[in-house]
């Protein structure tokens, strides 16, 4: 089940991307990058690291919400999730990234 990456420029002029599942739901978002090439490299890092269990960090944040981060080999966060109501939900989100990211198309907005 391939999703898609949406690469866009935000109101502050930074480049960002989000990963959408095949049903259109946003699975995760990136940090801001000054250059489009930085965001493109971030997408490639997500594709490369998505299948690797050890790259995910699932944690409880504020307001009793659960989140996950996908990290690259150098431990930098390359994708962050929305808040989930349970740890199970966040873990399901990591599985969605594993399914969607490796073959996802990149769409520029």
PDB file of N, CA and C in Angstrom:
ATOM      1  N   UNK A   1       0.850  -1.176   0.000  1.00  0.00           N
ATOM      2  CA  UNK A   1       0.000   0.000   0.000  1.00  0.00           C
ATOM      3  C   UNK A   1       0.890   1.232   0.000  1.00  0.00           C
ATOM      4  N   UNK A   2       1.055   1.842  -1.121  1.00  0.00           N
ATOM      5  CA  UNK A   2       1.900   3.028  -1.221  1.00  0.00           C
ATOM      6  C   UNK A   2       1.084   4.280  -0.938  1.00  0.00           C
ATOM      7  N   UNK A   3       1.708   5.186  -0.259  1.00  0.00           N
ATOM      8  CA  UNK A   3       1.105   6.480  -0.009  1.00  0.00           C
ATOM      9  C   UNK A   3       1.759   7.501  -0.913  1.00  0.00           C
ATOM     10  N   UNK A   4       1.784   8.739  -0.440  1.00  0.00           N
ATOM     11  CA  UNK A   4       2.468   9.774  -1.202  1.00  0.00           C
ATOM     12  C   UNK A   4       3.049  10.807  -0.256  1.00  0.00           C
ATOM     13  N   UNK A   5       4.167  11.360  -0.674  1.00  0.00           N
ATOM     14  CA  UNK A   5       4.776  12.476   0.029  1.00  0.00           C
ATOM     15  C   UNK A   5       4.320  13.749  -0.663  1.00  0.00           C
ATOM     16  N   UNK A   6       3.888  14.716   0.106  1.00  0.00           N
ATOM     17  CA  UNK A   6       3.558  16.038  -0.415  1.00  0.00           C
ATOM     18  C   UNK A   6       4.656  16.987   0.031  1.00  0.00           C
ATOM     19  N   UNK A   7       5.376  17.547  -0.926  1.00  0.00           N
ATOM     20  CA  UNK A   7       6.462  18.490  -0.670  1.00  0.00           C
ATOM     21  C   UNK A   7       5.922  19.883  -0.933  1.00  0.00           C
ATOM     22  N   UNK A   8       6.051  20.778   0.053  1.00  0.00           N
ATOM     23  CA  UNK A   8       5.462  22.107  -0.086  1.00  0.00           C
ATOM     24  C   UNK A   8       6.289  23.152   0.647  1.00  0.00           C
ATOM     25  N   UNK A   9       6.012  24.412   0.353  1.00  0.00           N
ATOM     26  CA  UNK A   9       6.653  25.525   1.031  1.00  0.00           C
ATOM     27  C   UNK A   9       5.623  26.155   1.963  1.00  0.00           C
ATOM     28  N   UNK A  10       5.993  26.327   3.234  1.00  0.00           N
ATOM     29  CA  UNK A  10       5.045  26.889   4.200  1.00  0.00           C
ATOM     30  C   UNK A  10       5.026  28.422   4.135  1.00  0.00           C
ATOM     31  N   UNK A  11       4.198  29.031   4.949  1.00  0.00           N
ATOM     32  CA  UNK A  11       4.031  30.487   4.933  1.00  0.00           C
ATOM     33  C   UNK A  11       5.301  31.230   5.321  1.00  0.00           C
ATOM     34  N   UNK A  12       6.159  30.571   6.092  1.00  0.00           N
ATOM     35  CA  UNK A  12       7.424  31.184   6.510  1.00  0.00           C
ATOM     36  C   UNK A  12       8.516  31.013   5.457  1.00  0.00           C
ATOM     37  N   UNK A  13       8.209  30.318   4.359  1.00  0.00           N
ATOM     38  CA  UNK A  13       9.180  30.120   3.292  1.00  0.00           C
ATOM     39  C   UNK A  13      10.030  28.875   3.434  1.00  0.00           C
ATOM     40  N   UNK A  14       9.757  28.053   4.458  1.00  0.00           N
ATOM     41  CA  UNK A  14      10.512  26.814   4.626  1.00  0.00           C
ATOM     42  C   UNK A  14       9.841  25.680   3.852  1.00  0.00           C
ATOM     43  N   UNK A  15      10.647  24.712   3.452  1.00  0.00           N
ATOM     44  CA  UNK A  15      10.140  23.536   2.747  1.00  0.00           C
ATOM     45  C   UNK A  15       9.853  22.436   3.753  1.00  0.00           C
ATOM     46  N   UNK A  16       8.740  21.784   3.575  1.00  0.00           N
ATOM     47  CA  UNK A  16       8.303  20.704   4.459  1.00  0.00           C
ATOM     48  C   UNK A  16       7.697  19.601   3.599  1.00  0.00           C
ATOM     49  N   UNK A  17       7.521  18.450   4.234  1.00  0.00           N
ATOM     50  CA  UNK A  17       6.783  17.386   3.557  1.00  0.00           C
ATOM     51  C   UNK A  17       5.911  16.672   4.568  1.00  0.00           C
ATOM     52  N   UNK A  18       4.895  16.038   4.046  1.00  0.00           N
ATOM     53  CA  UNK A  18       4.040  15.177   4.864  1.00  0.00           C
ATOM     54  C   UNK A  18       3.854  13.878   4.103  1.00  0.00           C
ATOM     55  N   UNK A  19       3.680  12.817   4.858  1.00  0.00           N
ATOM     56  CA  UNK A  19       3.437  11.498   4.277  1.00  0.00           C
ATOM     57  C   UNK A  19       1.972  11.173   4.466  1.00  0.00           C
ATOM     58  N   UNK A  20       1.299  10.880   3.369  1.00  0.00           N
ATOM     59  CA  UNK A  20      -0.108  10.501   3.399  1.00  0.00           C
ATOM     60  C   UNK A  20      -0.243   9.020   3.085  1.00  0.00           C
ATOM     61  N   UNK A  21      -1.125   8.353   3.810  1.00  0.00           N
ATOM     62  CA  UNK A  21      -1.457   6.963   3.515  1.00  0.00           C
ATOM     63  C   UNK A  21      -2.271   6.924   2.220  1.00  0.00           C
ATOM     64  N   UNK A  22      -2.487   5.742   1.689  1.00  0.00           N
ATOM     65  CA  UNK A  22      -3.249   5.615   0.440  1.00  0.00           C
ATOM     66  C   UNK A  22      -4.684   6.127   0.586  1.00  0.00           C
ATOM     67  N   UNK A  23      -5.198   6.178   1.826  1.00  0.00           N
ATOM     68  CA  UNK A  23      -6.559   6.697   2.047  1.00  0.00           C
ATOM     69  C   UNK A  23      -6.571   8.213   2.224  1.00  0.00           C
ATOM     70  N   UNK A  24      -5.404   8.859   2.090  1.00  0.00           N
ATOM     71  CA  UNK A  24      -5.320  10.303   2.182  1.00  0.00           C
ATOM     72  C   UNK A  24      -5.008  10.852   3.569  1.00  0.00           C
ATOM     73  N   UNK A  25      -5.051  10.003   4.593  1.00  0.00           N
ATOM     74  CA  UNK A  25      -4.752  10.475   5.947  1.00  0.00           C
ATOM     75  C   UNK A  25      -3.276  10.804   6.086  1.00  0.00           C
ATOM     76  N   UNK A  26      -2.992  11.888   6.800  1.00  0.00           N
ATOM     77  CA  UNK A  26      -1.602  12.268   7.071  1.00  0.00           C
ATOM     78  C   UNK A  26      -1.055  11.363   8.168  1.00  0.00           C
ATOM     79  N   UNK A  27       0.041  10.693   7.867  1.00  0.00           N
ATOM     80  CA  UNK A  27       0.677   9.793   8.829  1.00  0.00           C
ATOM     81  C   UNK A  27       1.758  10.522   9.613  1.00  0.00           C
ATOM     82  N   UNK A  28       2.495  11.390   8.947  1.00  0.00           N
ATOM     83  CA  UNK A  28       3.586  12.089   9.610  1.00  0.00           C
ATOM     84  C   UNK A  28       4.009  13.314   8.835  1.00  0.00           C
ATOM     85  N   UNK A  29       4.715  14.208   9.525  1.00  0.00           N
ATOM     86  CA  UNK A  29       5.175  15.457   8.930  1.00  0.00           C
ATOM     87  C   UNK A  29       6.646  15.670   9.267  1.00  0.00           C
ATOM     88  N   UNK A  30       7.274  16.528   8.485  1.00  0.00           N
ATOM     89  CA  UNK A  30       8.698  16.823   8.680  1.00  0.00           C
ATOM     90  C   UNK A  30       8.875  18.138   9.418  1.00  0.00           C
ATOM     91  N   UNK A  31      10.131  18.401   9.738  1.00  0.00           N
ATOM     92  CA  UNK A  31      10.524  19.721  10.213  1.00  0.00           C
ATOM     93  C   UNK A  31      10.623  20.643   9.000  1.00  0.00           C
ATOM     94  N   UNK A  32      10.928  21.908   9.233  1.00  0.00           N
ATOM     95  CA  UNK A  32      11.127  22.842   8.136  1.00  0.00           C
ATOM     96  C   UNK A  32      12.570  22.815   7.647  1.00  0.00           C
ATOM     97  N   UNK A  33      12.745  22.960   6.340  1.00  0.00           N
ATOM     98  CA  UNK A  33      14.072  23.002   5.715  1.00  0.00           C
ATOM     99  C   UNK A  33      14.199  24.312   4.955  1.00  0.00           C
ATOM    100  N   UNK A  34      15.383  24.893   4.975  1.00  0.00           N
ATOM    101  CA  UNK A  34      15.598  26.154   4.256  1.00  0.00           C
ATOM    102  C   UNK A  34      15.602  25.966   2.739  1.00  0.00           C
ATOM    103  N   UNK A  35      16.069  24.809   2.283  1.00  0.00           N
ATOM    104  CA  UNK A  35      16.163  24.542   0.848  1.00  0.00           C
ATOM    105  C   UNK A  35      15.288  23.346   0.474  1.00  0.00           C
ATOM    106  N   UNK A  36      14.764  23.386  -0.727  1.00  0.00           N
ATOM    107  CA  UNK A  36      13.949  22.278  -1.226  1.00  0.00           C
ATOM    108  C   UNK A  36      14.763  20.991  -1.263  1.00  0.00           C
ATOM    109  N   UNK A  37      16.045  21.107  -1.572  1.00  0.00           N
ATOM    110  CA  UNK A  37      16.901  19.916  -1.628  1.00  0.00           C
ATOM    111  C   UNK A  37      17.008  19.249  -0.257  1.00  0.00           C
ATOM    112  N   UNK A  38      16.988  20.032   0.805  1.00  0.00           N
ATOM    113  CA  UNK A  38      17.014  19.461   2.155  1.00  0.00           C
ATOM    114  C   UNK A  38      15.769  18.645   2.433  1.00  0.00           C
ATOM    115  N   UNK A  39      14.610  19.166   2.024  1.00  0.00           N
ATOM    116  CA  UNK A  39      13.362  18.425   2.205  1.00  0.00           C
ATOM    117  C   UNK A  39      13.363  17.156   1.350  1.00  0.00           C
ATOM    118  N   UNK A  40      13.879  17.253   0.128  1.00  0.00           N
ATOM    119  CA  UNK A  40      13.960  16.075  -0.748  1.00  0.00           C
ATOM    120  C   UNK A  40      14.862  15.004  -0.123  1.00  0.00           C
ATOM    121  N   UNK A  41      15.966  15.424   0.484  1.00  0.00           N
ATOM    122  CA  UNK A  41      16.843  14.475   1.178  1.00  0.00           C
ATOM    123  C   UNK A  41      16.131  13.858   2.375  1.00  0.00           C
ATOM    124  N   UNK A  42      15.305  14.643   3.065  1.00  0.00           N
ATOM    125  CA  UNK A  42      14.511  14.129   4.178  1.00  0.00           C
ATOM    126  C   UNK A  42      13.556  13.043   3.730  1.00  0.00           C
ATOM    127  N   UNK A  43      12.921  13.248   2.590  1.00  0.00           N
ATOM    128  CA  UNK A  43      11.999  12.240   2.038  1.00  0.00           C
ATOM    129  C   UNK A  43      12.759  10.947   1.756  1.00  0.00           C
ATOM    130  N   UNK A  44      13.928  11.059   1.149  1.00  0.00           N
ATOM    131  CA  UNK A  44      14.730   9.863   0.855  1.00  0.00           C
ATOM    132  C   UNK A  44      15.127   9.149   2.141  1.00  0.00           C
ATOM    133  N   UNK A  45      15.416   9.912   3.185  1.00  0.00           N
ATOM    134  CA  UNK A  45      15.770   9.314   4.474  1.00  0.00           C
ATOM    135  C   UNK A  45      14.583   8.561   5.072  1.00  0.00           C
ATOM    136  N   UNK A  46      13.386   9.133   4.950  1.00  0.00           N
ATOM    137  CA  UNK A  46      12.187   8.439   5.442  1.00  0.00           C
ATOM    138  C   UNK A  46      12.004   7.133   4.685  1.00  0.00           C
ATOM    139  N   UNK A  47      12.108   7.182   3.362  1.00  0.00           N
ATOM    140  CA  UNK A  47      11.946   5.966   2.551  1.00  0.00           C
ATOM    141  C   UNK A  47      12.945   4.884   2.973  1.00  0.00           C
ATOM    142  N   UNK A  48      14.188   5.282   3.213  1.00  0.00           N
ATOM    143  CA  UNK A  48      15.252   4.339   3.570  1.00  0.00           C
ATOM    144  C   UNK A  48      15.064   3.766   4.976  1.00  0.00           C
ATOM    145  N   UNK A  49      14.662   4.608   5.924  1.00  0.00           N
ATOM    146  CA  UNK A  49      14.595   4.194   7.326  1.00  0.00           C
ATOM    147  C   UNK A  49      13.248   3.632   7.752  1.00  0.00           C
ATOM    148  N   UNK A  50      12.203   3.855   6.975  1.00  0.00           N
ATOM    149  CA  UNK A  50      10.849   3.419   7.353  1.00  0.00           C
ATOM    150  C   UNK A  50      10.741   1.933   7.672  1.00  0.00           C
ATOM    151  N   UNK A  51      11.384   1.031   6.940  1.00  0.00           N
ATOM    152  CA  UNK A  51      11.224  -0.393   7.245  1.00  0.00           C
ATOM    153  C   UNK A  51      11.924  -0.872   8.520  1.00  0.00           C
ATOM    154  N   UNK A  52      12.759  -0.047   9.127  1.00  0.00           N
ATOM    155  CA  UNK A  52      13.613  -0.482  10.229  1.00  0.00           C
ATOM    156  C   UNK A  52      12.979  -0.176  11.589  1.00  0.00           C
ATOM    157  N   UNK A  53      12.580  -1.222  12.313  1.00  0.00           N
ATOM    158  CA  UNK A  53      11.929  -1.059  13.621  1.00  0.00           C
ATOM    159  C   UNK A  53      12.732  -0.194  14.580  1.00  0.00           C
ATOM    160  N   UNK A  54      14.040  -0.363  14.569  1.00  0.00           N
ATOM    161  CA  UNK A  54      14.884   0.347  15.538  1.00  0.00           C
ATOM    162  C   UNK A  54      14.939   1.853  15.300  1.00  0.00           C
ATOM    163  N   UNK A  55      14.424   2.329  14.199  1.00  0.00           N
ATOM    164  CA  UNK A  55      14.441   3.762  13.893  1.00  0.00           C
ATOM    165  C   UNK A  55      13.242   4.513  14.493  1.00  0.00           C
ATOM    166  N   UNK A  56      12.291   3.775  15.079  1.00  0.00           N
ATOM    167  CA  UNK A  56      11.082   4.406  15.624  1.00  0.00           C
ATOM    168  C   UNK A  56      11.188   4.603  17.123  1.00  0.00           C
ATOM    169  N   UNK A  57      10.680   5.726  17.569  1.00  0.00           N
ATOM    170  CA  UNK A  57      10.570   6.032  18.991  1.00  0.00           C
ATOM    171  C   UNK A  57       9.097   6.354  19.254  1.00  0.00           C
ATOM    172  N   UNK A  58       8.445   5.551  20.094  1.00  0.00           N
ATOM    173  CA  UNK A  58       7.054   5.777  20.482  1.00  0.00           C
ATOM    174  C   UNK A  58       7.076   6.300  21.912  1.00  0.00           C
ATOM    175  N   UNK A  59       6.354   7.394  22.158  1.00  0.00           N
ATOM    176  CA  UNK A  59       6.410   8.010  23.486  1.00  0.00           C
ATOM    177  C   UNK A  59       5.099   8.717  23.822  1.00  0.00           C
ATOM    178  N   UNK A  60       4.903   8.875  25.127  1.00  0.00           N
ATOM    179  CA  UNK A  60       3.740   9.614  25.604  1.00  0.00           C
ATOM    180  C   UNK A  60       4.136  11.075  25.781  1.00  0.00           C
ATOM    181  N   UNK A  61       3.357  11.949  25.173  1.00  0.00           N
ATOM    182  CA  UNK A  61       3.628  13.376  25.270  1.00  0.00           C
ATOM    183  C   UNK A  61       2.695  14.037  26.265  1.00  0.00           C
ATOM    184  N   UNK A  62       2.545  15.326  26.121  1.00  0.00           N
ATOM    185  CA  UNK A  62       1.644  16.072  26.987  1.00  0.00           C
ATOM    186  C   UNK A  62       0.200  15.773  26.623  1.00  0.00           C
ATOM    187  N   UNK A  63      -0.696  16.068  27.525  1.00  0.00           N
ATOM    188  CA  UNK A  63      -2.137  15.888  27.301  1.00  0.00           C
ATOM    189  C   UNK A  63      -2.520  14.428  27.081  1.00  0.00           C
ATOM    190  N   UNK A  64      -1.744  13.481  27.636  1.00  0.00           N
ATOM    191  CA  UNK A  64      -2.049  12.056  27.515  1.00  0.00           C
ATOM    192  C   UNK A  64      -2.148  11.568  26.073  1.00  0.00           C
ATOM    193  N   UNK A  65      -1.417  12.181  25.170  1.00  0.00           N
ATOM    194  CA  UNK A  65      -1.373  11.745  23.775  1.00  0.00           C
ATOM    195  C   UNK A  65      -0.091  10.962  23.535  1.00  0.00           C
ATOM    196  N   UNK A  66      -0.161  10.038  22.597  1.00  0.00           N
ATOM    197  CA  UNK A  66       0.989   9.219  22.206  1.00  0.00           C
ATOM    198  C   UNK A  66       1.458   9.636  20.822  1.00  0.00           C
ATOM    199  N   UNK A  67       2.766   9.590  20.612  1.00  0.00           N
ATOM    200  CA  UNK A  67       3.386  10.038  19.364  1.00  0.00           C
ATOM    201  C   UNK A  67       4.475   9.048  18.954  1.00  0.00           C
ATOM    202  N   UNK A  68       4.929   9.206  17.719  1.00  0.00           N
ATOM    203  CA  UNK A  68       6.143   8.499  17.313  1.00  0.00           C
ATOM    204  C   UNK A  68       6.993   9.430  16.477  1.00  0.00           C
ATOM    205  N   UNK A  69       8.279   9.192  16.511  1.00  0.00           N
ATOM    206  CA  UNK A  69       9.253   9.837  15.638  1.00  0.00           C
ATOM    207  C   UNK A  69       9.973   8.745  14.872  1.00  0.00           C
ATOM    208  N   UNK A  70      10.274   9.028  13.626  1.00  0.00           N
ATOM    209  CA  UNK A  70      11.145   8.181  12.820  1.00  0.00           C
ATOM    210  C   UNK A  70      12.478   8.909  12.739  1.00  0.00           C
ATOM    211  N   UNK A  71      13.543   8.196  13.087  1.00  0.00           N
ATOM    212  CA  UNK A  71      14.870   8.801  13.096  1.00  0.00           C
ATOM    213  C   UNK A  71      15.761   8.175  12.024  1.00  0.00           C
ATOM    214  N   UNK A  72      16.691   8.980  11.548  1.00  0.00           N
ATOM    215  CA  UNK A  72      17.679   8.500  10.583  1.00  0.00           C
ATOM    216  C   UNK A  72      18.806   7.784  11.328  1.00  0.00           C
ATOM    217  N   UNK A  73      19.769   7.271  10.591  1.00  0.00           N
ATOM    218  CA  UNK A  73      20.896   6.553  11.191  1.00  0.00           C
ATOM    219  C   UNK A  73      21.701   7.438  12.134  1.00  0.00           C
ATOM    220  N   UNK A  74      21.709   8.762  11.894  1.00  0.00           N
ATOM    221  CA  UNK A  74      22.454   9.676  12.772  1.00  0.00           C
ATOM    222  C   UNK A  74      21.578  10.214  13.913  1.00  0.00           C
ATOM    223  N   UNK A  75      20.423   9.585  14.122  1.00  0.00           N
ATOM    224  CA  UNK A  75      19.508   9.871  15.234  1.00  0.00           C
ATOM    225  C   UNK A  75      18.741  11.183  15.094  1.00  0.00           C
ATOM    226  N   UNK A  76      18.732  11.761  13.906  1.00  0.00           N
ATOM    227  CA  UNK A  76      17.949  12.976  13.663  1.00  0.00           C
ATOM    228  C   UNK A  76      16.515  12.575  13.329  1.00  0.00           C
ATOM    229  N   UNK A  77      15.550  13.300  13.879  1.00  0.00           N
ATOM    230  CA  UNK A  77      14.144  13.027  13.582  1.00  0.00           C
ATOM    231  C   UNK A  77      13.858  13.479  12.157  1.00  0.00           C
ATOM    232  N   UNK A  78      13.313  12.568  11.339  1.00  0.00           N
ATOM    233  CA  UNK A  78      12.977  12.904   9.953  1.00  0.00           C
ATOM    234  C   UNK A  78      11.475  12.909   9.701  1.00  0.00           C
ATOM    235  N   UNK A  79      10.699  12.326  10.622  1.00  0.00           N
ATOM    236  CA  UNK A  79       9.238  12.316  10.478  1.00  0.00           C
ATOM    237  C   UNK A  79       8.625  12.229  11.871  1.00  0.00           C
ATOM    238  N   UNK A  80       7.609  13.050  12.122  1.00  0.00           N
ATOM    239  CA  UNK A  80       6.915  13.057  13.415  1.00  0.00           C
ATOM    240  C   UNK A  80       5.426  12.839  13.186  1.00  0.00           C
ATOM    241  N   UNK A  81       4.811  12.159  14.130  1.00  0.00           N
ATOM    242  CA  UNK A  81       3.392  11.827  13.997  1.00  0.00           C
ATOM    243  C   UNK A  81       2.492  12.882  14.623  1.00  0.00           C
ATOM    244  N   UNK A  82       1.221  12.704  14.374  1.00  0.00           N
ATOM    245  CA  UNK A  82       0.175  13.433  15.087  1.00  0.00           C
ATOM    246  C   UNK A  82       0.008  12.772  16.450  1.00  0.00           C
ATOM    247  N   UNK A  83      -0.843  13.307  17.298  1.00  0.00           N
ATOM    248  CA  UNK A  83      -1.120  12.697  18.587  1.00  0.00           C
ATOM    249  C   UNK A  83      -2.153  11.591  18.470  1.00  0.00           C
ATOM    250  N   UNK A  84      -1.922  10.494  19.149  1.00  0.00           N
ATOM    251  CA  UNK A  84      -2.840   9.357  19.187  1.00  0.00           C
ATOM    252  C   UNK A  84      -3.383   9.211  20.609  1.00  0.00           C
ATOM    253  N   UNK A  85      -4.546   8.627  20.744  1.00  0.00           N
ATOM    254  CA  UNK A  85      -5.153   8.469  22.064  1.00  0.00           C
ATOM    255  C   UNK A  85      -4.556   7.311  22.859  1.00  0.00           C
ATOM    256  N   UNK A  86      -3.812   6.419  22.192  1.00  0.00           N
ATOM    257  CA  UNK A  86      -3.224   5.275  22.892  1.00  0.00           C
ATOM    258  C   UNK A  86      -1.861   4.927  22.301  1.00  0.00           C
ATOM    259  N   UNK A  87      -1.100   4.194  23.088  1.00  0.00           N
ATOM    260  CA  UNK A  87       0.194   3.698  22.609  1.00  0.00           C
ATOM    261  C   UNK A  87      -0.023   2.779  21.420  1.00  0.00           C
ATOM    262  N   UNK A  88      -1.053   1.968  21.498  1.00  0.00           N
ATOM    263  CA  UNK A  88      -1.393   1.063  20.399  1.00  0.00           C
ATOM    264  C   UNK A  88      -1.630   1.839  19.102  1.00  0.00           C
ATOM    265  N   UNK A  89      -2.321   2.968  19.209  1.00  0.00           N
ATOM    266  CA  UNK A  89      -2.581   3.804  18.037  1.00  0.00           C
ATOM    267  C   UNK A  89      -1.292   4.320  17.422  1.00  0.00           C
ATOM    268  N   UNK A  90      -0.359   4.774  18.269  1.00  0.00           N
ATOM    269  CA  UNK A  90       0.922   5.268  17.763  1.00  0.00           C
ATOM    270  C   UNK A  90       1.716   4.140  17.104  1.00  0.00           C
ATOM    271  N   UNK A  91       1.672   2.957  17.697  1.00  0.00           N
ATOM    272  CA  UNK A  91       2.367   1.810  17.096  1.00  0.00           C
ATOM    273  C   UNK A  91       1.744   1.436  15.763  1.00  0.00           C
ATOM    274  N   UNK A  92       0.431   1.552  15.648  1.00  0.00           N
ATOM    275  CA  UNK A  92      -0.234   1.320  14.360  1.00  0.00           C
ATOM    276  C   UNK A  92       0.212   2.358  13.338  1.00  0.00           C
ATOM    277  N   UNK A  93       0.447   3.580  13.813  1.00  0.00           N
ATOM    278  CA  UNK A  93       0.952   4.627  12.925  1.00  0.00           C
ATOM    279  C   UNK A  93       2.325   4.286  12.369  1.00  0.00           C
ATOM    280  N   UNK A  94       3.194   3.694  13.194  1.00  0.00           N
ATOM    281  CA  UNK A  94       4.515   3.298  12.689  1.00  0.00           C
ATOM    282  C   UNK A  94       4.367   2.237  11.600  1.00  0.00           C
ATOM    283  N   UNK A  95       3.422   1.333  11.788  1.00  0.00           N
ATOM    284  CA  UNK A  95       3.188   0.305  10.765  1.00  0.00           C
ATOM    285  C   UNK A  95       2.667   0.918   9.478  1.00  0.00           C
ATOM    286  N   UNK A  96       1.870   1.967   9.593  1.00  0.00           N
ATOM    287  CA  UNK A  96       1.380   2.659   8.390  1.00  0.00           C
ATOM    288  C   UNK A  96       2.533   3.298   7.632  1.00  0.00           C
ATOM    289  N   UNK A  97       3.500   3.866   8.349  1.00  0.00           N
ATOM    290  CA  UNK A  97       4.675   4.447   7.696  1.00  0.00           C
ATOM    291  C   UNK A  97       5.467   3.352   6.994  1.00  0.00           C
ATOM    292  N   UNK A  98       5.652   2.217   7.659  1.00  0.00           N
ATOM    293  CA  UNK A  98       6.399   1.108   7.065  1.00  0.00           C
ATOM    294  C   UNK A  98       5.769   0.655   5.752  1.00  0.00           C
ATOM    295  N   UNK A  99       4.436   0.651   5.700  1.00  0.00           N
ATOM    296  CA  UNK A  99       3.740   0.228   4.478  1.00  0.00           C
ATOM    297  C   UNK A  99       3.746   1.304   3.400  1.00  0.00           C
ATOM    298  N   UNK A 100       3.571   2.558   3.794  1.00  0.00           N
ATOM    299  CA  UNK A 100       3.346   3.631   2.820  1.00  0.00           C
ATOM    300  C   UNK A 100       4.618   4.260   2.270  1.00  0.00           C
ATOM    301  N   UNK A 101       5.636   4.436   3.090  1.00  0.00           N
ATOM    302  CA  UNK A 101       6.772   5.276   2.710  1.00  0.00           C
ATOM    303  C   UNK A 101       7.695   4.713   1.633  1.00  0.00           C
ATOM    304  N   UNK A 102       8.103   3.440   1.708  1.00  0.00           N
ATOM    305  CA  UNK A 102       9.156   2.994   0.779  1.00  0.00           C
ATOM    306  C   UNK A 102       8.856   3.214  -0.701  1.00  0.00           C
ATOM    307  N   UNK A 103       7.632   3.061  -1.132  1.00  0.00           N
ATOM    308  CA  UNK A 103       7.301   3.193  -2.555  1.00  0.00           C
ATOM    309  C   UNK A 103       6.443   4.425  -2.848  1.00  0.00           C
ATOM    310  N   UNK A 104       6.362   5.346  -1.886  1.00  0.00           N
ATOM    311  CA  UNK A 104       5.481   6.501  -2.046  1.00  0.00           C
ATOM    312  C   UNK A 104       6.012   7.453  -3.114  1.00  0.00           C
ATOM    313  N   UNK A 105       5.095   7.974  -3.901  1.00  0.00           N
ATOM    314  CA  UNK A 105       5.428   8.992  -4.893  1.00  0.00           C
ATOM    315  C   UNK A 105       5.635  10.322  -4.186  1.00  0.00           C
ATOM    316  N   UNK A 106       6.361  11.231  -4.829  1.00  0.00           N
ATOM    317  CA  UNK A 106       6.567  12.573  -4.294  1.00  0.00           C
ATOM    318  C   UNK A 106       5.805  13.556  -5.172  1.00  0.00           C
ATOM    319  N   UNK A 107       4.896  14.305  -4.539  1.00  0.00           N
ATOM    320  CA  UNK A 107       4.078  15.291  -5.239  1.00  0.00           C
ATOM    321  C   UNK A 107       4.480  16.666  -4.720  1.00  0.00           C
ATOM    322  N   UNK A 108       4.818  17.572  -5.609  1.00  0.00           N
ATOM    323  CA  UNK A 108       5.143  18.937  -5.192  1.00  0.00           C
ATOM    324  C   UNK A 108       3.913  19.803  -5.293  1.00  0.00           C
ATOM    325  N   UNK A 109       3.654  20.543  -4.224  1.00  0.00           N
ATOM    326  CA  UNK A 109       2.477  21.429  -4.216  1.00  0.00           C
ATOM    327  C   UNK A 109       2.888  22.858  -4.445  1.00  0.00           C
TER     328      UNK A 109
END
